[in-house]
Amino acid sequence: MTRRRGTVLVARLDNAGDVLLQGPLVRAVAASAERVVFLAGPAGAEAAALLPGVDEVLTWACPWILGDPPPVDAADLAALTDRVRALAPDEAVVSTSFHQSPLPLALLLRAAGVPRISATSVDYPGSLLDVRHRVDQDDEVDLPEPERALSLARAAGFDLPDGDDGRLAVRRPLPPAGGLEPGYVVVHPGASVPARAWPAERCAEAVEALADAGHRVLVTGGPGERALTAAVAGTRGVDLGGTTTLAQTAALLDGAAAVVVGNTGPAHLAAAVGTPVVSLFAPVVPAARWAPYGVPTVLLGDQDAPCRLTRARECPVPGHPCLTSVTADDVVAAVEKLVSA
């Protein structure tokens, strides 16, 4: 497809996993744009740099999107407006989750002179949007998030190039995975939202059980999760907490036979490298929308638990029953199912 639409700003301002799910949208935009600049939040910028089709990443902490938002600061808003005005994009595509509004950012982009703005919005946008895309939402039967995002790209006039299967992807080649022989199982115990985390003691039991079943087990986590990963790895797993960049984590996941992880960024990173996922999924958001996309997946967790569809960040039910109902034996059985398929 001929590139013809100048510089396009793509915005997604929340977490790394949310950004990775924009991969098909980004590739659709890149197929028709001379240049794609991705506006990401601090937690999503590293993921944005991994997306094929992204030429540049801008980072901004958004006070109406982030779970731990900074205060609204007029000078900060003015600085973002100036950055966008200097970039002078020909158009912008603003991607949001179903419960987020694109309109405050659209206002800033319009004030910065962006001539064409597309977004999904249930609210009347006035003159803020040139393409107001609407998606029928149903919590029982719902579009996966990558397909919802891609529908916005198509509404804006972008589509995937021929031969693109629409799955998640990362930029390759990936960095070396530390010389590890492929075929291990990765356990990632952390989650950006506490309500979506399997209890640490259960994660540790799973590491022991997987090792007993003959699997090599690696335990991954971010720099702030070193105590967690050390406790979970124990003496049977290899603790890699805080030792890898996102690209290096992608390389580790790429070499795994399966990944055991909650509904958090590394689940989507595993999907982006094509690795099967045992998904420890708390139903505070719908699995139909947020489960790992496009890879073999075993979904564990009580999807009818009382926390269902609450979008809670802290578990609202004593005992966290949606995930404490999952045992180490359940995880081993799920891993065996995936690796033997």
Protein backbone atom coordinates (compact mmCIF):
# COMPACT_ATOMS: atom_id res chain seq x y z
CA MET A 1 0.00 0.00 0.00
CA THR A 2 1.34 3.44 -0.91
CA ARG A 3 2.32 5.62 2.01
CA ARG A 4 0.43 8.88 1.63
CA ARG A 5 -0.91 10.29 4.88
CA GLY A 6 2.02 12.14 6.43
CA THR A 7 2.67 11.99 10.17
CA VAL A 8 0.01 10.29 12.29
CA LEU A 9 -0.03 10.57 16.07
CA VAL A 10 -1.40 7.47 17.79
CA ALA A 11 -2.24 7.93 21.47
CA ARG A 12 -2.77 5.33 24.19
CA LEU A 13 -1.95 6.64 27.63
CA ASP A 14 -2.28 3.80 30.15
CA ASN A 15 -0.23 0.65 30.85
CA ALA A 16 2.19 -1.51 28.87
CA GLY A 17 -0.34 -4.25 28.23
CA ASP A 18 -2.88 -1.76 26.91
CA VAL A 19 -0.25 -0.38 24.54
CA LEU A 20 0.74 -3.85 23.27
CA LEU A 21 -2.91 -4.49 22.40
CA GLN A 22 -2.75 -1.52 20.00
CA GLY A 23 -0.29 -3.39 17.75
CA PRO A 24 -2.77 -4.20 14.94
CA LEU A 25 -4.08 -0.61 14.99
CA VAL A 26 -0.53 0.75 14.75
CA ARG A 27 0.37 -1.51 11.82
CA ALA A 28 -2.81 -0.45 10.02
CA VAL A 29 -1.89 3.20 10.48
CA ALA A 30 1.73 2.59 9.49
CA ALA A 31 0.63 0.95 6.23
CA SER A 32 -0.70 4.31 5.02
CA ALA A 33 1.39 6.85 6.96
CA GLU A 34 4.81 8.26 6.24
CA ARG A 35 5.54 8.36 9.98
CA VAL A 36 3.85 7.10 13.14
CA VAL A 37 4.48 8.84 16.47
CA PHE A 38 3.06 7.11 19.54
CA LEU A 39 1.98 9.18 22.54
CA ALA A 40 2.23 6.90 25.60
CA GLY A 41 2.06 7.13 29.36
CA PRO A 42 5.19 6.48 31.46
CA ALA A 43 4.19 2.83 32.01
CA GLY A 44 3.49 2.25 28.33
CA ALA A 45 6.38 3.99 26.58
CA GLU A 46 8.73 1.00 26.61
CA ALA A 47 5.99 -1.17 25.11
CA ALA A 48 5.25 1.43 22.44
CA ALA A 49 8.88 1.30 21.32
CA LEU A 50 8.47 -2.45 20.76
CA LEU A 51 5.56 -2.10 18.34
CA PRO A 52 6.31 -2.63 14.64
CA GLY A 53 5.38 0.54 12.74
CA VAL A 54 6.20 3.05 15.49
CA ASP A 55 8.86 5.57 14.44
CA GLU A 56 8.99 7.72 17.58
CA VAL A 57 7.57 7.62 21.10
CA LEU A 58 6.46 10.64 23.12
CA THR A 59 5.78 10.15 26.83
CA TRP A 60 3.27 12.06 28.92
CA ALA A 61 1.62 11.33 32.30
CA CYS A 62 -2.10 11.88 31.75
CA PRO A 63 -4.11 13.08 34.77
CA TRP A 64 -7.44 11.63 33.55
CA ILE A 65 -6.23 8.17 32.46
CA LEU A 66 -3.57 6.89 34.88
CA GLY A 67 -4.64 4.84 37.89
CA ASP A 68 -2.33 6.91 40.10
CA PRO A 69 -2.85 10.23 38.32
CA PRO A 70 -0.72 13.35 38.69
CA PRO A 71 -2.54 16.59 39.49
CA VAL A 72 -3.77 18.69 36.60
CA ASP A 73 -1.10 21.28 35.90
CA ALA A 74 -1.70 24.09 33.43
CA ALA A 75 2.00 24.38 32.56
CA ASP A 76 2.19 20.64 31.87
CA LEU A 77 -0.85 20.81 29.57
CA ALA A 78 0.67 23.79 27.78
CA ALA A 79 3.96 21.92 27.36
CA LEU A 80 2.20 18.96 25.77
CA THR A 81 0.30 21.29 23.46
CA ASP A 82 3.59 22.89 22.41
CA ARG A 83 5.20 19.48 21.77
CA VAL A 84 2.32 18.41 19.56
CA ARG A 85 2.29 21.75 17.74
CA ALA A 86 6.03 21.35 17.02
CA LEU A 87 5.44 17.81 15.78
CA ALA A 88 2.66 19.08 13.49
CA PRO A 89 0.97 15.73 12.85
CA ASP A 90 -1.39 15.54 9.90
CA GLU A 91 -3.87 13.61 12.00
CA ALA A 92 -4.30 11.76 15.28
CA VAL A 93 -5.92 8.49 16.32
CA VAL A 94 -6.80 8.45 20.02
CA SER A 95 -7.31 4.96 21.42
CA THR A 96 -8.99 4.48 24.80
CA SER A 97 -10.47 1.68 26.85
CA PHE A 98 -14.27 1.50 26.87
CA HIS A 99 -14.49 3.35 30.20
CA GLN A 100 -12.08 6.18 29.26
CA SER A 101 -12.96 9.35 27.40
CA PRO A 102 -10.81 10.53 24.47
CA LEU A 103 -12.30 14.01 24.54
CA PRO A 104 -9.93 15.82 26.96
CA LEU A 105 -6.94 14.75 24.86
CA ALA A 106 -8.82 15.57 21.67
CA LEU A 107 -9.32 19.11 23.03
CA LEU A 108 -5.57 19.49 23.62
CA LEU A 109 -4.73 18.08 20.21
CA ARG A 110 -7.22 20.41 18.54
CA ALA A 111 -5.72 23.36 20.43
CA ALA A 112 -2.30 22.22 19.16
CA GLY A 113 -3.56 22.47 15.59
CA VAL A 114 -4.11 18.81 14.71
CA PRO A 115 -6.45 19.04 11.70
CA ARG A 116 -8.02 15.55 11.84
CA ILE A 117 -8.74 13.53 14.99
CA SER A 118 -10.37 10.10 15.24
CA ALA A 119 -11.51 8.34 18.42
CA THR A 120 -14.13 6.03 19.84
CA SER A 121 -16.58 8.06 21.91
CA VAL A 122 -20.00 7.46 23.41
CA ASP A 123 -20.17 11.15 24.36
CA TYR A 124 -21.12 13.95 22.00
CA PRO A 125 -17.76 15.34 20.79
CA GLY A 126 -18.85 18.65 19.28
CA SER A 127 -16.01 19.89 17.08
CA LEU A 128 -13.35 17.83 18.87
CA LEU A 129 -13.52 14.77 16.61
CA ASP A 130 -13.60 14.44 12.84
CA VAL A 131 -14.26 10.69 13.08
CA ARG A 132 -16.46 9.68 16.00
CA HIS A 133 -16.37 5.90 16.06
CA ARG A 134 -18.89 3.96 18.12
CA VAL A 135 -18.66 0.29 19.12
CA ASP A 136 -21.63 -1.64 20.41
CA GLN A 137 -20.64 -2.81 23.87
CA ASP A 138 -22.00 -5.89 25.59
CA ASP A 139 -20.32 -7.27 28.67
CA GLU A 140 -21.49 -10.79 27.81
CA VAL A 141 -20.43 -10.91 24.16
CA ASP A 142 -17.64 -8.44 23.57
CA LEU A 143 -14.93 -7.59 21.07
CA PRO A 144 -11.36 -8.41 22.13
CA GLU A 145 -9.50 -5.18 22.76
CA PRO A 146 -7.15 -5.50 19.73
CA GLU A 147 -10.16 -5.91 17.43
CA ARG A 148 -11.93 -2.97 19.04
CA ALA A 149 -8.84 -0.81 18.47
CA LEU A 150 -8.49 -2.03 14.89
CA SER A 151 -12.12 -1.11 14.23
CA LEU A 152 -11.20 2.48 15.16
CA ALA A 153 -8.28 2.44 12.70
CA ARG A 154 -10.62 1.23 9.96
CA ALA A 155 -13.17 3.91 10.79
CA ALA A 156 -10.34 6.45 10.41
CA GLY A 157 -9.50 5.04 6.97
CA PHE A 158 -6.59 2.76 7.85
CA ASP A 159 -6.40 -0.98 7.36
CA LEU A 160 -3.91 -3.78 7.77
CA PRO A 161 -1.68 -4.52 4.78
CA ASP A 162 -2.19 -7.70 2.79
CA GLY A 163 -0.81 -10.71 4.62
CA ASP A 164 -1.06 -9.19 8.12
CA ASP A 165 -3.04 -11.62 10.30
CA GLY A 166 -3.99 -8.97 12.87
CA ARG A 167 -2.32 -10.70 15.81
CA LEU A 168 -0.15 -8.99 18.40
CA ALA A 169 3.53 -8.58 17.53
CA VAL A 170 6.77 -7.00 18.70
CA ARG A 171 9.67 -5.57 16.80
CA ARG A 172 12.32 -8.17 15.98
CA PRO A 173 15.05 -9.24 16.37
CA LEU A 174 14.73 -9.42 20.13
CA PRO A 175 17.81 -9.20 22.37
CA PRO A 176 19.46 -12.47 23.48
CA ALA A 177 17.62 -14.36 26.21
CA GLY A 178 20.72 -14.92 28.35
CA GLY A 179 21.76 -18.12 26.61
CA LEU A 180 18.86 -20.07 28.11
CA GLU A 181 17.79 -23.24 26.33
CA PRO A 182 14.16 -22.74 25.17
CA GLY A 183 11.36 -24.83 26.63
CA TYR A 184 11.16 -23.53 30.21
CA VAL A 185 8.00 -22.27 31.94
CA VAL A 186 7.81 -18.62 33.03
CA VAL A 187 5.83 -17.66 36.13
CA HIS A 188 5.10 -13.95 36.46
CA PRO A 189 3.51 -13.36 39.90
CA GLY A 190 3.06 -9.58 39.86
CA ALA A 191 0.22 -7.48 38.49
CA SER A 192 -0.21 -3.76 38.01
CA VAL A 193 -3.60 -3.97 39.76
CA PRO A 194 -3.69 -5.87 43.09
CA ALA A 195 -7.17 -7.29 42.44
CA ARG A 196 -5.75 -9.23 39.48
CA ALA A 197 -2.87 -10.90 41.34
CA TRP A 198 -2.77 -14.58 42.32
CA PRO A 199 -1.58 -14.74 45.96
CA ALA A 200 2.21 -14.99 46.28
CA GLU A 201 2.02 -18.18 48.34
CA ARG A 202 0.01 -19.84 45.56
CA CYS A 203 2.58 -18.71 43.00
CA ALA A 204 5.34 -20.26 45.12
CA GLU A 205 3.38 -23.50 45.39
CA ALA A 206 3.00 -23.52 41.60
CA VAL A 207 6.75 -23.10 41.10
CA GLU A 208 7.36 -26.11 43.38
CA ALA A 209 4.69 -28.17 41.63
CA LEU A 210 5.97 -27.29 38.15
CA ALA A 211 9.51 -28.21 39.19
CA ASP A 212 8.23 -31.51 40.62
CA ALA A 213 6.57 -32.16 37.25
CA GLY A 214 9.95 -31.79 35.53
CA HIS A 215 9.71 -28.23 34.24
CA ARG A 216 12.46 -25.62 34.40
CA VAL A 217 10.85 -22.54 35.94
CA LEU A 218 11.86 -18.90 35.54
CA VAL A 219 10.23 -16.21 37.69
CA THR A 220 10.02 -12.71 36.23
CA GLY A 221 9.05 -9.33 37.64
CA GLY A 222 9.82 -5.65 37.54
CA PRO A 223 12.41 -3.73 39.60
CA GLY A 224 9.87 -3.09 42.35
CA GLU A 225 8.97 -6.78 42.61
CA ARG A 226 12.32 -8.29 43.62
CA ALA A 227 11.13 -9.40 47.07
CA LEU A 228 8.06 -10.98 45.50
CA THR A 229 9.96 -12.87 42.79
CA ALA A 230 12.58 -14.08 45.28
CA ALA A 231 9.88 -15.47 47.56
CA VAL A 232 8.01 -17.09 44.67
CA ALA A 233 11.13 -18.61 43.06
CA GLY A 234 12.32 -20.13 46.33
CA THR A 235 14.97 -22.78 45.74
CA ARG A 236 13.28 -24.45 42.77
CA GLY A 237 12.86 -21.55 40.35
CA VAL A 238 15.29 -19.11 38.75
CA ASP A 239 14.63 -15.61 40.09
CA LEU A 240 14.94 -12.96 37.35
CA GLY A 241 12.99 -10.25 39.13
CA GLY A 242 14.12 -6.75 38.19
CA THR A 243 16.92 -7.95 35.90
CA THR A 244 15.37 -7.50 32.44
CA THR A 245 14.12 -4.69 30.25
CA LEU A 246 10.75 -5.15 28.55
CA ALA A 247 12.51 -6.23 25.34
CA GLN A 248 14.61 -8.74 27.27
CA THR A 249 11.46 -10.02 28.98
CA ALA A 250 9.91 -10.45 25.54
CA ALA A 251 12.93 -12.54 24.54
CA LEU A 252 12.54 -14.71 27.66
CA LEU A 253 8.84 -15.21 26.96
CA ASP A 254 9.64 -16.01 23.34
CA GLY A 255 11.72 -18.98 24.51
CA ALA A 256 9.12 -20.29 26.96
CA ALA A 257 6.93 -23.32 26.41
CA ALA A 258 4.21 -21.56 28.42
CA VAL A 259 3.74 -18.52 30.64
CA VAL A 260 1.76 -18.47 33.91
CA VAL A 261 0.56 -14.92 34.50
CA GLY A 262 -2.38 -12.81 35.64
CA ASN A 263 -4.28 -10.27 33.60
CA THR A 264 -1.36 -7.87 33.30
CA GLY A 265 1.17 -6.63 30.75
CA PRO A 266 3.37 -9.76 30.43
CA ALA A 267 0.28 -11.78 29.44
CA HIS A 268 -0.06 -9.58 26.37
CA LEU A 269 3.69 -9.57 25.83
CA ALA A 270 3.60 -13.38 25.77
CA ALA A 271 0.80 -13.23 23.20
CA ALA A 272 2.82 -10.76 21.15
CA VAL A 273 5.70 -13.26 20.85
CA GLY A 274 3.33 -16.17 20.20
CA THR A 275 3.78 -18.06 23.49
CA PRO A 276 0.85 -20.00 25.06
CA VAL A 277 -0.53 -18.54 28.28
CA VAL A 278 -2.01 -19.95 31.48
CA SER A 279 -4.10 -16.91 32.33
CA LEU A 280 -4.93 -16.39 36.01
CA PHE A 281 -7.82 -14.09 35.22
CA ALA A 282 -9.74 -12.16 37.87
CA PRO A 283 -13.15 -11.27 36.36
CA VAL A 284 -13.09 -7.63 37.50
CA VAL A 285 -12.94 -6.95 33.73
CA PRO A 286 -14.39 -9.23 31.03
CA ALA A 287 -12.11 -11.98 29.76
CA ALA A 288 -13.73 -11.75 26.33
CA ARG A 289 -12.13 -8.33 26.00
CA TRP A 290 -8.87 -8.67 27.90
CA ALA A 291 -7.70 -12.30 27.81
CA PRO A 292 -4.44 -13.05 25.92
CA TYR A 293 -5.19 -12.59 22.23
CA GLY A 294 -4.39 -14.90 19.36
CA VAL A 295 -2.44 -17.61 21.24
CA PRO A 296 -3.45 -20.90 22.91
CA THR A 297 -4.73 -19.99 26.38
CA VAL A 298 -6.08 -21.80 29.42
CA LEU A 299 -8.20 -19.42 31.49
CA LEU A 300 -8.18 -20.09 35.24
CA GLY A 301 -10.19 -18.30 37.91
CA ASP A 302 -13.87 -18.14 38.81
CA GLN A 303 -15.35 -15.90 36.13
CA ASP A 304 -18.67 -15.71 38.02
CA ALA A 305 -17.17 -14.54 41.33
CA PRO A 306 -18.88 -11.60 43.11
CA CYS A 307 -16.17 -9.19 41.89
CA ARG A 308 -17.26 -9.78 38.29
CA LEU A 309 -17.16 -6.65 36.09
CA THR A 310 -16.53 -4.29 39.03
CA ARG A 311 -13.28 -2.93 37.51
CA ALA A 312 -11.97 -2.95 41.11
CA ARG A 313 -8.29 -2.25 41.66
CA GLU A 314 -8.36 -3.71 45.19
CA CYS A 315 -10.27 -6.96 45.65
CA PRO A 316 -13.75 -6.08 46.99
CA VAL A 317 -14.47 -9.63 48.23
CA PRO A 318 -12.84 -11.02 51.40
CA GLY A 319 -10.45 -13.85 50.62
CA HIS A 320 -10.04 -13.00 46.92
CA PRO A 321 -12.07 -16.12 45.97
CA CYS A 322 -11.93 -15.66 42.20
CA LEU A 323 -8.22 -16.57 42.22
CA THR A 324 -7.67 -18.33 45.54
CA SER A 325 -9.91 -21.05 44.12
CA VAL A 326 -7.07 -21.86 41.69
CA THR A 327 -4.54 -24.42 42.96
CA ALA A 328 -0.97 -25.25 41.99
CA ASP A 329 -2.25 -28.54 40.57
CA ASP A 330 -4.64 -26.59 38.34
CA VAL A 331 -1.69 -24.62 36.97
CA VAL A 332 0.41 -27.73 36.34
CA ALA A 333 -2.51 -29.36 34.50
CA ALA A 334 -2.99 -26.21 32.40
CA VAL A 335 0.70 -26.04 31.50
CA GLU A 336 0.70 -29.73 30.54
CA LYS A 337 -2.33 -29.15 28.31
CA LEU A 338 -0.60 -26.30 26.50
CA VAL A 339 2.82 -27.91 26.06
CA SER A 340 1.34 -31.19 24.83
CA ALA A 341 -1.02 -29.60 22.29
